[in-house]
Protein backbone atom coordinates (compact mmCIF):
# COMPACT_ATOMS: atom_id res chain seq x y z
CA UNK A 1 128.57 53.37 174.76
CA UNK A 2 127.28 51.08 177.52
CA UNK A 3 123.85 50.98 175.91
CA UNK A 4 125.36 50.07 172.51
CA UNK A 5 127.55 47.38 174.07
CA UNK A 6 124.51 45.89 175.82
CA UNK A 7 122.64 45.85 172.51
CA UNK A 8 125.65 44.20 170.86
CA UNK A 9 125.75 41.52 173.56
CA UNK A 10 122.06 40.73 173.22
CA UNK A 11 122.44 40.37 169.45
CA UNK A 12 125.40 38.00 169.84
CA UNK A 13 123.77 35.84 172.50
CA UNK A 14 120.22 35.66 171.19
CA UNK A 15 120.64 35.91 167.42
CA UNK A 16 124.18 34.95 166.45
CA UNK A 17 124.68 32.11 168.92
CA UNK A 18 121.02 31.29 169.66
CA UNK A 19 122.22 30.35 173.13
CA UNK A 20 120.00 28.18 175.32
CA UNK A 21 119.83 27.18 178.97
CA UNK A 22 122.43 24.62 180.08
CA UNK A 23 124.57 25.13 176.96
CA UNK A 24 128.27 25.78 177.52
CA UNK A 25 129.73 28.90 175.91
CA UNK A 26 133.48 29.44 175.46
CA UNK A 27 134.62 33.04 174.92
CA UNK A 28 138.10 33.78 173.58
CA UNK A 29 139.37 37.38 173.47
CA UNK A 30 141.78 39.87 175.04
CA UNK A 31 141.30 41.83 178.23
CA UNK A 32 140.53 44.92 176.14
CA UNK A 33 137.11 43.45 175.33
CA UNK A 34 136.08 43.16 179.01
CA UNK A 35 133.10 45.56 178.62
CA UNK A 36 131.54 43.39 175.90
CA UNK A 37 132.43 40.12 177.65
CA UNK A 38 130.76 41.41 180.81
CA UNK A 39 127.48 42.07 178.98
CA UNK A 40 127.61 38.80 177.03
CA UNK A 41 128.20 37.02 180.36
CA UNK A 42 125.19 38.82 181.83
CA UNK A 43 122.88 37.88 178.95
CA UNK A 44 124.08 34.28 178.79
CA UNK A 45 123.84 33.78 182.55
CA UNK A 46 120.28 35.13 182.60
CA UNK A 47 119.45 32.43 180.05
CA UNK A 48 120.95 29.73 182.26
CA UNK A 49 123.99 29.06 180.06
CA UNK A 50 127.44 28.16 181.44
CA UNK A 51 130.15 30.61 180.37
CA UNK A 52 133.94 30.16 180.43
CA UNK A 53 136.25 32.98 179.34
CA UNK A 54 139.82 32.78 178.04
CA UNK A 55 141.41 36.27 178.25
CA UNK A 56 144.69 36.92 176.44
CA UNK A 57 147.03 39.61 177.73
CA UNK A 58 149.32 41.93 175.79
CA UNK A 59 151.98 40.08 173.72
CA UNK A 60 150.96 36.65 175.00
CA UNK A 61 151.34 35.06 171.55
CA UNK A 62 154.65 36.82 170.92
CA UNK A 63 156.14 35.61 174.21
CA UNK A 64 155.04 32.04 173.53
CA UNK A 65 156.39 31.95 169.98
CA UNK A 66 159.73 33.56 170.83
CA UNK A 67 160.45 32.00 174.22
CA UNK A 68 158.75 28.60 174.19
CA UNK A 69 160.77 25.41 173.85
CA UNK A 70 159.41 22.45 171.86
CA UNK A 71 157.54 20.99 174.85
CA UNK A 72 155.78 24.30 175.44
CA UNK A 73 155.05 24.94 171.77
CA UNK A 74 153.54 21.50 171.19
CA UNK A 75 151.25 21.68 174.24
CA UNK A 76 147.64 22.22 173.18
CA UNK A 77 145.89 24.76 175.46
CA UNK A 78 143.70 22.84 177.89
CA UNK A 79 140.58 25.06 177.99
CA UNK A 80 140.61 25.68 174.23
CA UNK A 81 140.98 21.95 173.56
CA UNK A 82 138.11 21.04 175.88
CA UNK A 83 135.93 23.73 174.32
CA UNK A 84 136.60 22.54 170.78
CA UNK A 85 135.82 18.97 171.86
CA UNK A 86 132.84 19.44 174.18
CA UNK A 87 131.32 22.93 174.36
CA UNK A 88 128.11 23.92 172.58
CA UNK A 89 129.04 27.45 171.51
CA UNK A 90 132.17 29.49 170.81
CA UNK A 91 132.42 33.28 170.68
CA UNK A 92 135.71 34.70 169.40
CA UNK A 93 135.88 38.45 170.03
CA UNK A 94 138.70 40.15 168.15
CA UNK A 95 140.14 42.93 170.32
CA UNK A 96 143.81 43.33 169.44
CA UNK A 97 146.39 45.31 171.39
CA UNK A 98 148.76 45.41 168.42
CA UNK A 99 148.12 43.94 164.99
CA UNK A 100 151.86 43.51 164.44
CA UNK A 101 152.43 41.69 167.71
CA UNK A 102 153.61 38.46 166.08
CA UNK A 103 155.68 40.04 163.32
CA UNK A 104 159.41 39.30 163.42
CA UNK A 105 159.05 36.24 165.63
CA UNK A 106 160.90 32.92 165.46
CA UNK A 107 159.64 31.37 162.19
CA UNK A 108 160.55 27.80 163.14
CA UNK A 109 158.65 28.15 166.40
CA UNK A 110 155.64 29.47 164.47
CA UNK A 111 155.75 26.39 162.25
CA UNK A 112 155.98 24.03 165.25
CA UNK A 113 153.04 25.76 166.92
CA UNK A 114 150.93 25.65 163.77
CA UNK A 115 151.53 21.93 163.34
CA UNK A 116 150.79 21.27 167.02
CA UNK A 117 147.38 22.95 166.74
CA UNK A 118 146.43 21.50 163.34
CA UNK A 119 144.26 18.77 164.90
CA UNK A 120 142.26 21.44 166.76
CA UNK A 121 141.87 23.38 163.52
CA UNK A 122 140.50 20.26 161.83
CA UNK A 123 138.15 19.55 164.74
CA UNK A 124 136.92 23.15 164.65
CA UNK A 125 136.03 22.95 160.95
CA UNK A 126 134.32 19.59 161.46
CA UNK A 127 132.20 20.68 164.44
CA UNK A 128 131.20 24.04 162.91
CA UNK A 129 130.24 22.58 159.52
CA UNK A 130 126.53 22.31 160.44
CA UNK A 131 125.35 24.06 163.58
CA UNK A 132 122.10 22.06 163.56
CA UNK A 133 123.83 18.66 163.55
CA UNK A 134 124.07 16.64 166.78
CA UNK A 135 127.31 17.42 168.61
CA UNK A 136 127.98 20.55 166.56
CA UNK A 137 129.69 23.72 167.77
CA UNK A 138 127.84 27.00 167.22
CA UNK A 139 130.42 29.70 166.61
CA UNK A 140 130.48 33.44 166.09
CA UNK A 141 133.40 35.72 165.30
CA UNK A 142 132.97 39.42 166.08
CA UNK A 143 134.95 42.61 166.68
CA UNK A 144 135.40 44.84 169.71
CA UNK A 145 136.75 48.28 168.68
CA UNK A 146 140.30 48.93 169.88
CA UNK A 147 142.91 51.57 169.08
CA UNK A 148 144.98 49.05 167.11
CA UNK A 149 142.12 48.20 164.76
CA UNK A 150 141.12 51.85 164.42
CA UNK A 151 144.65 52.83 163.45
CA UNK A 152 144.85 50.00 160.92
CA UNK A 153 141.62 51.28 159.38
CA UNK A 154 142.99 54.83 159.31
CA UNK A 155 140.23 56.03 161.65
CA UNK A 156 139.92 57.54 165.07
CA UNK A 157 138.61 55.16 167.74
CA UNK A 158 135.28 57.00 167.77
CA UNK A 159 134.96 56.68 163.99
CA UNK A 160 135.87 53.01 164.16
CA UNK A 161 133.30 52.31 166.88
CA UNK A 162 130.64 53.86 164.67
CA UNK A 163 131.87 51.84 161.68
CA UNK A 164 131.69 48.53 163.62
CA UNK A 165 128.28 49.24 165.12
CA UNK A 166 126.83 50.36 161.78
CA UNK A 167 128.14 47.25 160.03
CA UNK A 168 126.32 45.18 162.67
CA UNK A 169 123.05 47.17 162.29
CA UNK A 170 123.29 48.21 165.93
CA UNK A 171 121.92 51.70 165.22
CA UNK A 172 118.62 50.08 164.30
CA UNK A 173 115.87 49.88 166.92
CA UNK A 174 115.71 46.17 166.08
CA UNK A 175 119.13 44.80 165.01
CA UNK A 176 117.89 41.21 165.04
CA UNK A 177 115.06 42.17 162.69
CA UNK A 178 117.59 43.75 160.30
CA UNK A 179 119.60 40.53 160.21
CA UNK A 180 116.47 38.47 159.64
CA UNK A 181 115.81 40.62 156.55
CA UNK A 182 119.41 40.02 155.40
CA UNK A 183 118.82 36.29 155.88
CA UNK A 184 115.63 36.37 153.79
CA UNK A 185 117.18 38.35 150.92
CA UNK A 186 120.34 36.24 150.80
CA UNK A 187 118.36 32.99 150.98
CA UNK A 188 116.87 33.84 147.60
CA UNK A 189 120.38 34.29 146.17
CA UNK A 190 121.67 31.11 147.87
CA UNK A 191 118.83 29.01 146.43
CA UNK A 192 119.45 30.38 142.93
CA UNK A 193 123.19 29.72 143.15
CA UNK A 194 122.56 26.16 144.37
CA UNK A 195 121.01 25.50 140.96
CA UNK A 196 124.05 26.78 139.05
CA UNK A 197 126.81 24.48 137.79
CA UNK A 198 129.45 26.91 136.56
CA UNK A 199 130.29 30.43 137.71
CA UNK A 200 132.42 33.04 135.96
CA UNK A 201 133.83 36.18 137.61
CA UNK A 202 134.71 38.83 135.03
CA UNK A 203 136.10 42.35 135.54
CA UNK A 204 139.04 44.48 134.47
CA UNK A 205 142.13 42.24 134.73
CA UNK A 206 139.97 39.29 135.90
CA UNK A 207 138.38 36.42 134.02
CA UNK A 208 138.09 33.23 136.03
CA UNK A 209 135.63 30.34 135.86
CA UNK A 210 134.91 27.38 138.13
CA UNK A 211 132.41 24.62 138.77
CA UNK A 212 130.18 24.54 141.83
CA UNK A 213 128.24 21.50 140.64
CA UNK A 214 127.18 19.46 143.66
CA UNK A 215 128.42 22.15 146.05
CA UNK A 216 126.28 24.10 148.52
CA UNK A 217 126.09 27.89 148.78
CA UNK A 218 125.93 29.26 152.31
CA UNK A 219 123.79 32.18 153.43
CA UNK A 220 126.10 34.02 155.84
CA UNK A 221 123.50 36.01 157.75
CA UNK A 222 125.21 37.29 160.90
CA UNK A 223 125.39 34.07 162.88
CA UNK A 224 128.83 32.61 162.24
CA UNK A 225 130.23 36.13 161.66
CA UNK A 226 128.99 39.39 163.13
CA UNK A 227 128.88 41.44 161.02
CA UNK A 228 128.23 39.35 157.96
CA UNK A 229 126.62 39.79 154.58
CA UNK A 230 127.89 37.33 152.00
CA UNK A 231 126.99 34.16 150.15
CA UNK A 232 129.80 31.67 149.66
CA UNK A 233 130.62 28.18 148.46
CA UNK A 234 133.56 25.93 147.68
CA UNK A 235 134.59 25.41 144.05
CA UNK A 236 135.19 21.93 142.69
CA UNK A 237 138.88 21.74 143.49
CA UNK A 238 140.29 20.97 140.02
CA UNK A 239 137.81 23.12 138.07
CA UNK A 240 139.16 26.64 138.57
CA UNK A 241 140.73 28.17 135.46
CA UNK A 242 141.72 31.68 134.44
CA UNK A 243 143.26 34.81 135.87
CA UNK A 244 142.09 36.81 138.87
CA UNK A 245 143.34 40.17 140.10
CA UNK A 246 142.51 41.39 143.62
CA UNK A 247 142.07 45.14 143.99
CA UNK A 248 141.88 45.37 147.79
CA UNK A 249 144.91 44.89 150.06
CA UNK A 250 145.20 41.40 151.54
CA UNK A 251 146.68 40.92 155.00
CA UNK A 252 148.62 37.80 156.00
CA UNK A 253 150.23 37.52 159.44
CA UNK A 254 150.11 41.30 159.76
CA UNK A 255 151.79 41.91 156.40
CA UNK A 256 150.18 43.93 153.61
CA UNK A 257 150.09 42.31 150.19
CA UNK A 258 148.71 44.54 147.44
CA UNK A 259 147.83 44.12 143.79
CA UNK A 260 147.73 40.31 143.86
CA UNK A 261 147.28 38.51 140.55
CA UNK A 262 146.89 34.74 140.34
CA UNK A 263 146.98 32.51 137.25
CA UNK A 264 145.10 29.23 137.74
CA UNK A 265 145.07 26.00 135.73
CA UNK A 266 142.86 23.01 136.59
CA UNK A 267 142.33 24.33 140.11
CA UNK A 268 145.98 25.02 140.94
CA UNK A 269 147.63 28.41 141.26
CA UNK A 270 150.54 28.04 138.82
CA UNK A 271 151.80 31.62 138.82
CA UNK A 272 151.44 34.60 141.12
CA UNK A 273 152.52 38.21 141.38
CA UNK A 274 151.91 41.24 143.57
CA UNK A 275 152.65 44.94 143.43
CA UNK A 276 153.71 44.70 147.08
CA UNK A 277 154.49 41.65 149.21
CA UNK A 278 155.22 38.96 146.62
CA UNK A 279 157.55 37.26 149.13
CA UNK A 280 154.50 36.59 151.31
CA UNK A 281 152.84 34.80 148.39
CA UNK A 282 156.03 32.81 147.81
CA UNK A 283 155.86 31.64 151.43
CA UNK A 284 152.13 30.88 151.45
CA UNK A 285 152.17 28.85 148.25
CA UNK A 286 154.77 26.54 149.76
CA UNK A 287 152.20 25.46 152.38
CA UNK A 288 150.43 22.18 151.49
CA UNK A 289 146.97 22.79 150.02
CA UNK A 290 147.44 26.54 149.62
CA UNK A 291 147.63 26.49 145.82
CA UNK A 292 144.00 25.34 145.60
CA UNK A 293 140.87 27.33 146.45
CA UNK A 294 138.70 26.60 149.47
CA UNK A 295 136.11 29.34 149.01
CA UNK A 296 134.41 31.56 146.44
CA UNK A 297 132.11 34.31 147.67
CA UNK A 298 130.14 37.49 147.02
CA UNK A 299 130.01 40.34 149.55
CA UNK A 300 126.58 41.93 150.18
CA UNK A 301 126.90 44.23 153.22
CA UNK A 302 126.43 47.71 151.75
CA UNK A 303 126.86 49.24 155.22
CA UNK A 304 130.54 48.41 154.66
CA UNK A 305 132.02 50.48 151.85
CA UNK A 306 135.71 50.78 152.68
CA UNK A 307 138.58 48.44 153.44
CA UNK A 308 139.86 48.42 157.03
CA UNK A 309 142.66 45.81 156.89
CA UNK A 310 140.32 43.45 158.74
CA UNK A 311 138.99 40.48 156.78
CA UNK A 312 135.94 40.13 159.05
CA UNK A 313 134.67 43.37 157.49
CA UNK A 314 136.54 43.66 154.20
CA UNK A 315 135.27 40.39 152.70
CA UNK A 316 131.68 41.54 153.34
CA UNK A 317 131.99 44.85 151.43
CA UNK A 318 128.87 45.24 149.30
CA UNK A 319 129.81 45.03 145.63
CA UNK A 320 132.86 42.77 145.95
CA UNK A 321 133.79 39.15 145.38
CA UNK A 322 136.47 37.20 147.18
CA UNK A 323 138.26 33.91 146.79
CA UNK A 324 140.20 32.09 149.50
CA UNK A 325 143.19 29.87 148.92
CA UNK A 326 143.58 26.91 151.24
CA UNK A 327 141.17 25.22 153.64
CA UNK A 328 137.61 24.57 152.49
CA UNK A 329 134.51 24.97 154.62
CA UNK A 330 133.07 21.49 155.05
CA UNK A 331 129.47 22.74 154.90
CA UNK A 332 129.95 23.77 151.25
CA UNK A 333 131.07 20.28 150.22
CA UNK A 334 134.63 21.48 149.66
CA UNK A 335 137.40 18.96 150.27
CA UNK A 336 140.62 20.99 150.16
CA UNK A 337 142.67 20.88 153.36
CA UNK A 338 145.37 23.28 154.48
CA UNK A 339 146.57 25.23 157.51
CA UNK A 340 145.98 28.31 155.32
CA UNK A 341 142.64 29.99 154.65
CA UNK A 342 143.40 33.38 153.10
CA UNK A 343 140.67 35.55 151.58
CA UNK A 344 141.51 37.89 148.71
CA UNK A 345 139.04 40.57 147.61
CA UNK A 346 138.29 42.47 144.41
CA UNK A 347 135.91 45.32 143.65
CA UNK A 348 133.09 44.60 141.20
CA UNK A 349 131.28 47.96 141.18
CA UNK A 350 133.07 49.47 138.18
CA UNK A 351 133.22 46.69 135.60
CA UNK A 352 132.31 43.50 137.43
CA UNK A 353 130.10 40.80 136.02
CA UNK A 354 129.13 37.36 137.31
CA UNK A 355 127.77 34.68 135.02
CA UNK A 356 125.91 31.57 136.16
CA UNK A 357 125.83 28.83 133.53
CA UNK A 358 126.58 31.53 130.95
CA UNK A 359 123.78 33.89 132.04
CA UNK A 360 124.60 37.39 133.36
CA UNK A 361 123.31 37.37 136.96
CA UNK A 362 125.31 40.22 138.55
CA UNK A 363 126.58 43.53 137.20
CA UNK A 364 128.56 46.40 138.75
CA UNK A 365 128.15 45.24 142.31
CA UNK A 366 124.47 44.22 142.22
CA UNK A 367 122.58 40.98 141.59
CA UNK A 368 120.21 41.00 138.62
CA UNK A 369 118.25 37.92 139.72
């Protein structure tokens, strides 16, 4: 375990974050991830980087949202604010105690808190849009295996550890080399998609088309997310038309929503339904900007072949597509803004087809180009 954690830390520091001497790294996680933080700290310090760590304790968010008055709820966290404004790199390690920790909390307080942090959310998207731009923020989101995540995935902790490490190519003698091969293969797909104007996703119960003219496709190669394995873009906001059905469960604020179907006209979701959790959709689509799409994507990580109720992994499942309602990623050229960015996933391995400018380019979970 220690050897695997050390390998994980080296991959995060040297490949995902490409950390350099004198750069300032901000790590945000819970105290459960201390073994990984310790090894990341070791690797970063050996490089000459400056590391600051923000550890959350059990039920910190729940206490704040239930007990905080308006002054407390509207206070932006000092270290997080400074990091978003000034630091060079940001590592967010997911290591939850309880995935339902913030269920059943004061909804008005949640709204106040969300509004109070909206400027930091905007700054984050702006600074992470291009990691090579002057003043940018390099960021990586990753997972540390905990009992809560293992239970959500319907696995033992040992099984879940193996799942996480395999998804990150950590069983390879050269994990960085594996990710460089992912980068090379996906770059070919990204460059092809950059030359496409219209895209159509077609499968059982799904037929939806959108324009990506003038938009950029992103090769997600294990830097901004670890693990990764997807290519994604932002659709022209008013161009999305059709019906899309999502076969995988979607999780929002700890709540399962299953069997989502969306009907879309001129970019806007005009009707929605779900086999389970429609009330969650009713709530989300009242949020400004949430009825428009901020992302369209194709999952390519075939080391991930099952849903785990964790979007970091589920959206990368090889042989799937996903679409996100809400906030766009600036680097794609998308312009939609929202406090929501919610990915919804559908399987393409049985009947899925993707067309680029009318040409079949993907069939049953595999690219044909």
